[in-house]
Amino acid sequence: MRSLAIDTSNAAAARLPVLVTAFRFGAVGVGGVAVNLVVLQLLYGALQLPLIAASALAVEIAIVHNYLLNDRWTFHARRGSMLRFARFNVAALATLLTNVLIVGLLVRTGVSYLVADMLGIGAGALLNLGASSVWVWRGGAP
């Protein structure tokens, strides 16, 4: 008699790379936040550059940080690519726009701006991970 038990080991093994990729992507993102804050503090707090300029530079430096680490560690690319870097910047811009849109819409409906921002960050992170996996790195390293 055949066993009716379902073998979930293959399904679990198939999900493992996705979970590892998501974990690494998230860890890089947390590092990017730290880079952004340190650079902003240096440029605006110490060097007293105008806030908008300092913030824009801090964001772009964090994007470069995130791209380099994701390129090598998260997605295991063999060599850098200006096309992937440009795409990653576009994905980061889409993430920013998503976050701002969600915050604006939720705050208008009475949601706390901090809760709205957390939801916007979550949605943006999922969008960025999806875009990075499917479009920037196309599911693997070229």
C-alpha atoms as a PDB file:
ATOM      1  CA  MET A   1       0.000   0.000   0.000  1.00  0.00           C
ATOM      2  CA  ARG A   2       1.333   3.429  -0.946  1.00  0.00           C
ATOM      3  CA  SER A   3       1.804   6.043   1.717  1.00  0.00           C
ATOM      4  CA  LEU A   4      -0.518   9.029   1.574  1.00  0.00           C
ATOM      5  CA  ALA A   5       1.926  11.175   3.520  1.00  0.00           C
ATOM      6  CA  ILE A   6       2.996  14.303   1.689  1.00  0.00           C
ATOM      7  CA  ASP A   7       6.719  14.805   1.300  1.00  0.00           C
ATOM      8  CA  THR A   8       7.254  18.469   2.070  1.00  0.00           C
ATOM      9  CA  SER A   9      11.064  18.316   2.058  1.00  0.00           C
ATOM     10  CA  ASN A  10      11.240  19.300  -1.632  1.00  0.00           C
ATOM     11  CA  ALA A  11       8.850  22.207  -1.118  1.00  0.00           C
ATOM     12  CA  ALA A  12      10.827  23.404   1.893  1.00  0.00           C
ATOM     13  CA  ALA A  13      14.106  23.076   0.005  1.00  0.00           C
ATOM     14  CA  ALA A  14      12.679  25.064  -2.906  1.00  0.00           C
ATOM     15  CA  ARG A  15      11.625  27.899  -0.561  1.00  0.00           C
ATOM     16  CA  LEU A  16      14.990  28.037   1.203  1.00  0.00           C
ATOM     17  CA  PRO A  17      16.828  30.029  -1.508  1.00  0.00           C
ATOM     18  CA  VAL A  18      13.961  32.542  -1.616  1.00  0.00           C
ATOM     19  CA  LEU A  19      14.090  32.967   2.153  1.00  0.00           C
ATOM     20  CA  VAL A  20      17.880  33.321   2.134  1.00  0.00           C
ATOM     21  CA  THR A  21      17.652  35.920  -0.648  1.00  0.00           C
ATOM     22  CA  ALA A  22      14.937  37.835   1.236  1.00  0.00           C
ATOM     23  CA  PHE A  23      16.953  37.726   4.478  1.00  0.00           C
ATOM     24  CA  ARG A  24      20.129  38.939   2.765  1.00  0.00           C
ATOM     25  CA  PHE A  25      18.230  41.650   0.896  1.00  0.00           C
ATOM     26  CA  GLY A  26      16.705  42.831   4.185  1.00  0.00           C
ATOM     27  CA  ALA A  27      20.052  42.778   5.993  1.00  0.00           C
ATOM     28  CA  VAL A  28      21.618  44.844   3.206  1.00  0.00           C
ATOM     29  CA  GLY A  29      18.688  47.271   3.449  1.00  0.00           C
ATOM     30  CA  VAL A  30      19.201  47.705   7.190  1.00  0.00           C
ATOM     31  CA  GLY A  31      22.882  48.375   6.508  1.00  0.00           C
ATOM     32  CA  GLY A  32      21.834  50.912   3.878  1.00  0.00           C
ATOM     33  CA  VAL A  33      19.728  52.763   6.444  1.00  0.00           C
ATOM     34  CA  ALA A  34      22.789  52.960   8.721  1.00  0.00           C
ATOM     35  CA  VAL A  35      24.943  54.233   5.841  1.00  0.00           C
ATOM     36  CA  ASN A  36      22.294  56.833   4.974  1.00  0.00           C
ATOM     37  CA  LEU A  37      22.125  58.096   8.563  1.00  0.00           C
ATOM     38  CA  VAL A  38      25.917  58.265   9.019  1.00  0.00           C
ATOM     39  CA  VAL A  39      26.449  60.062   5.700  1.00  0.00           C
ATOM     40  CA  LEU A  40      23.591  62.481   6.399  1.00  0.00           C
ATOM     41  CA  GLN A  41      25.045  63.249   9.814  1.00  0.00           C
ATOM     42  CA  LEU A  42      28.463  63.837   8.268  1.00  0.00           C
ATOM     43  CA  LEU A  43      27.260  65.982   5.352  1.00  0.00           C
ATOM     44  CA  TYR A  44      24.547  67.977   7.092  1.00  0.00           C
ATOM     45  CA  GLY A  45      25.505  67.794  10.757  1.00  0.00           C
ATOM     46  CA  ALA A  46      29.274  68.143  10.470  1.00  0.00           C
ATOM     47  CA  LEU A  47      29.946  69.752   7.079  1.00  0.00           C
ATOM     48  CA  GLN A  48      26.706  71.790   7.114  1.00  0.00           C
ATOM     49  CA  LEU A  49      25.756  71.167   3.495  1.00  0.00           C
ATOM     50  CA  PRO A  50      22.166  72.201   2.689  1.00  0.00           C
ATOM     51  CA  LEU A  51      19.761  69.553   4.002  1.00  0.00           C
ATOM     52  CA  ILE A  52      18.203  68.617   0.643  1.00  0.00           C
ATOM     53  CA  ALA A  53      21.610  68.206  -1.014  1.00  0.00           C
ATOM     54  CA  ALA A  54      22.991  66.270   1.967  1.00  0.00           C
ATOM     55  CA  SER A  55      19.932  64.026   2.056  1.00  0.00           C
ATOM     56  CA  ALA A  56      20.054  63.326  -1.686  1.00  0.00           C
ATOM     57  CA  LEU A  57      23.758  62.444  -1.492  1.00  0.00           C
ATOM     58  CA  ALA A  58      23.191  60.258   1.563  1.00  0.00           C
ATOM     59  CA  VAL A  59      20.402  58.378  -0.206  1.00  0.00           C
ATOM     60  CA  GLU A  60      22.495  57.813  -3.333  1.00  0.00           C
ATOM     61  CA  ILE A  61      25.487  56.618  -1.301  1.00  0.00           C
ATOM     62  CA  ALA A  62      23.176  54.203   0.520  1.00  0.00           C
ATOM     63  CA  ILE A  63      21.842  53.012  -2.860  1.00  0.00           C
ATOM     64  CA  VAL A  64      25.416  52.397  -4.057  1.00  0.00           C
ATOM     65  CA  HIS A  65      26.130  50.496  -0.829  1.00  0.00           C
ATOM     66  CA  ASN A  66      22.986  48.408  -1.240  1.00  0.00           C
ATOM     67  CA  TYR A  67      23.667  47.719  -4.908  1.00  0.00           C
ATOM     68  CA  LEU A  68      27.236  46.560  -4.307  1.00  0.00           C
ATOM     69  CA  LEU A  69      26.323  44.249  -1.434  1.00  0.00           C
ATOM     70  CA  ASN A  70      23.229  42.885  -3.155  1.00  0.00           C
ATOM     71  CA  ASP A  71      25.169  42.382  -6.375  1.00  0.00           C
ATOM     72  CA  ARG A  72      27.854  40.260  -4.706  1.00  0.00           C
ATOM     73  CA  TRP A  73      26.264  38.756  -1.603  1.00  0.00           C
ATOM     74  CA  THR A  74      22.512  38.543  -2.198  1.00  0.00           C
ATOM     75  CA  PHE A  75      22.410  37.747  -5.917  1.00  0.00           C
ATOM     76  CA  HIS A  76      25.992  36.429  -6.419  1.00  0.00           C
ATOM     77  CA  ALA A  77      26.822  38.376  -9.578  1.00  0.00           C
ATOM     78  CA  ARG A  78      30.220  37.526 -11.019  1.00  0.00           C
ATOM     79  CA  ARG A  79      30.962  41.083 -12.102  1.00  0.00           C
ATOM     80  CA  GLY A  80      29.418  44.517 -11.750  1.00  0.00           C
ATOM     81  CA  SER A  81      27.092  45.978 -14.355  1.00  0.00           C
ATOM     82  CA  MET A  82      26.156  49.588 -15.037  1.00  0.00           C
ATOM     83  CA  LEU A  83      22.825  48.375 -16.456  1.00  0.00           C
ATOM     84  CA  ARG A  84      21.998  46.548 -13.198  1.00  0.00           C
ATOM     85  CA  PHE A  85      23.102  49.615 -11.225  1.00  0.00           C
ATOM     86  CA  ALA A  86      20.842  51.876 -13.305  1.00  0.00           C
ATOM     87  CA  ARG A  87      17.953  49.444 -12.898  1.00  0.00           C
ATOM     88  CA  PHE A  88      18.554  49.264  -9.153  1.00  0.00           C
ATOM     89  CA  ASN A  89      18.366  53.072  -8.984  1.00  0.00           C
ATOM     90  CA  VAL A  90      15.060  52.987 -10.901  1.00  0.00           C
ATOM     91  CA  ALA A  91      13.751  50.321  -8.505  1.00  0.00           C
ATOM     92  CA  ALA A  92      14.826  52.493  -5.556  1.00  0.00           C
ATOM     93  CA  LEU A  93      12.953  55.452  -7.044  1.00  0.00           C
ATOM     94  CA  ALA A  94       9.840  53.287  -7.512  1.00  0.00           C
ATOM     95  CA  THR A  95      10.207  52.209  -3.875  1.00  0.00           C
ATOM     96  CA  LEU A  96      10.381  55.828  -2.749  1.00  0.00           C
ATOM     97  CA  LEU A  97       7.327  56.792  -4.788  1.00  0.00           C
ATOM     98  CA  THR A  98       5.396  53.792  -3.454  1.00  0.00           C
ATOM     99  CA  ASN A  99       6.238  54.710   0.115  1.00  0.00           C
ATOM    100  CA  VAL A 100       5.235  58.360  -0.337  1.00  0.00           C
ATOM    101  CA  LEU A 101       1.984  57.409  -2.098  1.00  0.00           C
ATOM    102  CA  ILE A 102       0.989  54.938   0.621  1.00  0.00           C
ATOM    103  CA  VAL A 103       1.830  57.376   3.406  1.00  0.00           C
ATOM    104  CA  GLY A 104      -0.155  60.145   1.733  1.00  0.00           C
ATOM    105  CA  LEU A 105      -3.201  57.976   1.102  1.00  0.00           C
ATOM    106  CA  LEU A 106      -3.263  56.345   4.536  1.00  0.00           C
ATOM    107  CA  VAL A 107      -2.758  59.598   6.454  1.00  0.00           C
ATOM    108  CA  ARG A 108      -5.713  61.105   4.559  1.00  0.00           C
ATOM    109  CA  THR A 109      -7.863  58.229   5.803  1.00  0.00           C
ATOM    110  CA  GLY A 110      -6.893  58.900   9.422  1.00  0.00           C
ATOM    111  CA  VAL A 111      -4.026  56.426   9.885  1.00  0.00           C
ATOM    112  CA  SER A 112      -1.136  57.680  12.033  1.00  0.00           C
ATOM    113  CA  TYR A 113       1.729  58.946   9.887  1.00  0.00           C
ATOM    114  CA  LEU A 114       4.174  56.603  11.668  1.00  0.00           C
ATOM    115  CA  VAL A 115       1.979  53.551  11.055  1.00  0.00           C
ATOM    116  CA  ALA A 116       1.434  54.698   7.482  1.00  0.00           C
ATOM    117  CA  ASP A 117       5.179  55.086   7.013  1.00  0.00           C
ATOM    118  CA  MET A 118       5.865  51.596   8.372  1.00  0.00           C
ATOM    119  CA  LEU A 119       3.302  50.165   5.954  1.00  0.00           C
ATOM    120  CA  GLY A 120       4.821  52.198   3.131  1.00  0.00           C
ATOM    121  CA  ILE A 121       8.307  50.964   3.983  1.00  0.00           C
ATOM    122  CA  GLY A 122       7.061  47.373   4.026  1.00  0.00           C
ATOM    123  CA  ALA A 123       5.310  47.716   0.682  1.00  0.00           C
ATOM    124  CA  GLY A 124       8.325  49.472  -0.794  1.00  0.00           C
ATOM    125  CA  ALA A 125      10.683  46.782   0.478  1.00  0.00           C
ATOM    126  CA  LEU A 126       8.546  44.054  -1.100  1.00  0.00           C
ATOM    127  CA  LEU A 127       8.394  45.995  -4.364  1.00  0.00           C
ATOM    128  CA  ASN A 128      12.150  46.542  -4.317  1.00  0.00           C
ATOM    129  CA  LEU A 129      12.870  42.871  -3.567  1.00  0.00           C
ATOM    130  CA  GLY A 130      10.534  41.797  -6.359  1.00  0.00           C
ATOM    131  CA  ALA A 131      11.987  44.265  -8.855  1.00  0.00           C
ATOM    132  CA  SER A 132      15.517  43.327  -7.852  1.00  0.00           C
ATOM    133  CA  SER A 133      14.847  39.598  -8.183  1.00  0.00           C
ATOM    134  CA  VAL A 134      12.893  39.739 -11.433  1.00  0.00           C
ATOM    135  CA  TRP A 135      14.184  42.805 -13.262  1.00  0.00           C
ATOM    136  CA  VAL A 136      17.533  43.996 -11.859  1.00  0.00           C
ATOM    137  CA  TRP A 137      19.183  40.597 -11.392  1.00  0.00           C
ATOM    138  CA  ARG A 138      16.626  38.555 -13.393  1.00  0.00           C
ATOM    139  CA  GLY A 139      16.388  35.752 -10.840  1.00  0.00           C
ATOM    140  CA  GLY A 140      20.119  35.123 -10.744  1.00  0.00           C
ATOM    141  CA  ALA A 141      23.536  36.406 -11.614  1.00  0.00           C
ATOM    142  CA  PRO A 142      24.378  36.824 -15.300  1.00  0.00           C
END
